Protein backbone atom coordinates (compact mmCIF):
# COMPACT_ATOMS: atom_id res chain seq x y z
CA MET A 1 161.23 149.16 92.85
CA GLU A 2 159.83 152.36 94.34
CA TRP A 3 160.42 151.09 97.89
CA VAL A 4 164.08 150.44 97.11
CA ARG A 5 164.48 153.95 95.70
CA PHE A 6 162.66 155.41 98.71
CA THR A 7 164.81 153.44 101.18
CA ILE A 8 168.08 154.47 99.54
CA THR A 9 166.92 158.09 99.45
CA ALA A 10 165.90 158.01 103.12
CA VAL A 11 169.22 156.49 104.19
CA LEU A 12 171.21 159.06 102.22
CA LEU A 13 169.17 161.92 103.66
CA ALA A 14 169.70 160.53 107.17
CA VAL A 15 173.46 160.43 106.54
CA SER A 16 173.28 164.00 105.24
CA VAL A 17 171.38 165.25 108.30
CA PHE A 18 173.83 163.43 110.60
CA SER A 19 176.76 165.01 108.77
CA PHE A 20 175.32 168.51 109.00
CA ALA A 21 174.41 168.01 112.68
CA SER A 22 177.89 166.77 113.57
CA ALA A 23 179.40 169.72 111.68
CA ILE A 24 177.26 172.14 113.68
CA LEU A 25 178.24 170.38 116.89
CA GLY A 26 181.91 170.55 115.90
CA VAL A 27 181.76 174.23 115.04
CA TYR A 28 180.26 175.10 118.41
CA SER A 29 182.26 172.69 120.56
CA PHE A 30 185.80 173.30 119.29
CA GLY A 31 187.64 176.34 120.60
CA PHE A 32 190.39 176.75 118.02
CA ILE A 33 189.43 178.26 114.68
CA MET A 34 191.32 175.69 112.58
CA ASN A 35 189.37 172.85 114.21
CA ARG A 36 186.13 174.68 113.54
CA ILE A 37 187.07 175.15 109.90
CA HIS A 38 187.82 171.45 109.56
CA ALA A 39 184.50 170.46 111.12
CA SER A 40 182.52 172.78 108.88
CA GLY A 41 184.38 171.63 105.77
CA ILE A 42 183.67 167.96 106.43
CA GLY A 43 180.01 168.65 107.08
CA ASP A 44 179.76 170.83 104.02
CA SER A 45 181.33 168.30 101.66
CA LEU A 46 179.77 165.10 102.96
CA GLY A 47 176.38 166.60 103.80
CA LEU A 48 175.91 168.32 100.47
CA SER A 49 177.12 165.30 98.50
CA THR A 50 174.81 162.82 100.19
CA ALA A 51 171.82 165.17 100.03
CA ALA A 52 172.39 165.77 96.32
CA LEU A 53 172.83 162.04 95.70
CA ALA A 54 169.55 161.37 97.51
CA VAL A 55 167.73 163.89 95.33
CA MET A 56 169.36 162.42 92.21
CA ILE A 57 168.15 158.93 93.10
CA SER A 58 164.64 160.06 94.00
CA SER A 59 164.27 162.21 90.88
CA GLY A 60 165.73 159.98 88.20
CA GLU A 61 165.52 162.71 85.55
CA ALA A 62 168.66 163.35 83.51
CA ALA A 63 168.35 167.15 83.60
CA VAL A 64 167.99 167.21 87.40
CA ILE A 65 170.91 164.83 87.83
CA LEU A 66 173.16 166.95 85.60
CA LYS A 67 172.25 170.16 87.45
CA LEU A 68 172.94 168.57 90.81
CA ILE A 69 176.29 167.19 89.64
CA LEU A 70 177.25 170.68 88.49
CA ILE A 71 176.19 172.17 91.85
CA VAL A 72 178.21 169.59 93.79
CA CYS A 73 181.27 170.17 91.57
CA PHE A 74 180.94 173.93 92.06
CA MET A 75 180.73 173.52 95.84
CA TRP A 76 183.70 171.13 95.87
CA CYS A 77 185.75 173.79 94.06
CA THR A 78 184.67 176.86 96.03
CA SER A 79 184.39 175.52 99.57
CA PRO A 80 188.09 174.58 99.97
CA VAL A 81 189.16 177.93 98.54
CA SER A 82 187.08 179.91 101.02
CA THR A 83 188.17 177.65 103.89
CA HIS A 84 191.83 178.11 102.92
CA PHE A 85 191.35 181.87 102.76
CA ILE A 86 189.91 181.94 106.28
CA ALA A 87 192.77 179.75 107.52
CA LEU A 88 195.34 182.10 105.95
CA ILE A 89 193.74 185.08 107.64
CA GLU A 90 194.01 183.25 110.97
CA TYR A 91 197.62 182.28 110.25
CA TYR A 92 198.74 185.84 109.56
CA MET A 93 196.56 187.70 112.06
CA ASN A 94 196.66 185.52 115.20
CA LYS A 95 199.65 186.49 117.31
CA ASN A 96 199.01 183.60 119.74
CA LEU A 97 199.04 180.92 117.06
CA GLY A 98 202.24 179.46 118.51
CA ASP A 99 200.24 178.34 121.54
CA TYR A 100 198.27 175.99 119.29
CA VAL A 101 200.53 175.17 116.35
CA VAL A 102 204.24 174.40 115.99
CA ARG A 103 205.50 175.68 112.68
CA GLU A 104 207.94 173.51 110.73
CA ASP A 105 210.43 176.31 110.16
CA GLN A 106 210.70 177.00 113.91
CA HIS A 107 211.73 173.51 115.07
CA ASP A 108 214.93 173.19 117.04
CA ALA A 109 217.66 171.43 115.08
CA SER A 110 218.50 168.84 117.70
């Protein structure tokens, strides 16, 4: 039974490392800030969730599992808010945003 737990933990940690690595690659390879925000948000959510799930499975203690669930829920609530705040700053401060994004209220009525 320990080998099954170890294997599941190792696979989940590998998925977590891959998610964080692809998020880092996305943040440095994309040029537009909105694409960078999206890449970091995906890596943050998926990487943290799989890493916490791996620790939950390897630990097996109820107190540790509850604490990790609370941490993941906290991160799921705060990460989108901070990402949205950064995106709003970009939306209002970037004068060249029209080069990248077409706003719905500025479409031609054709």
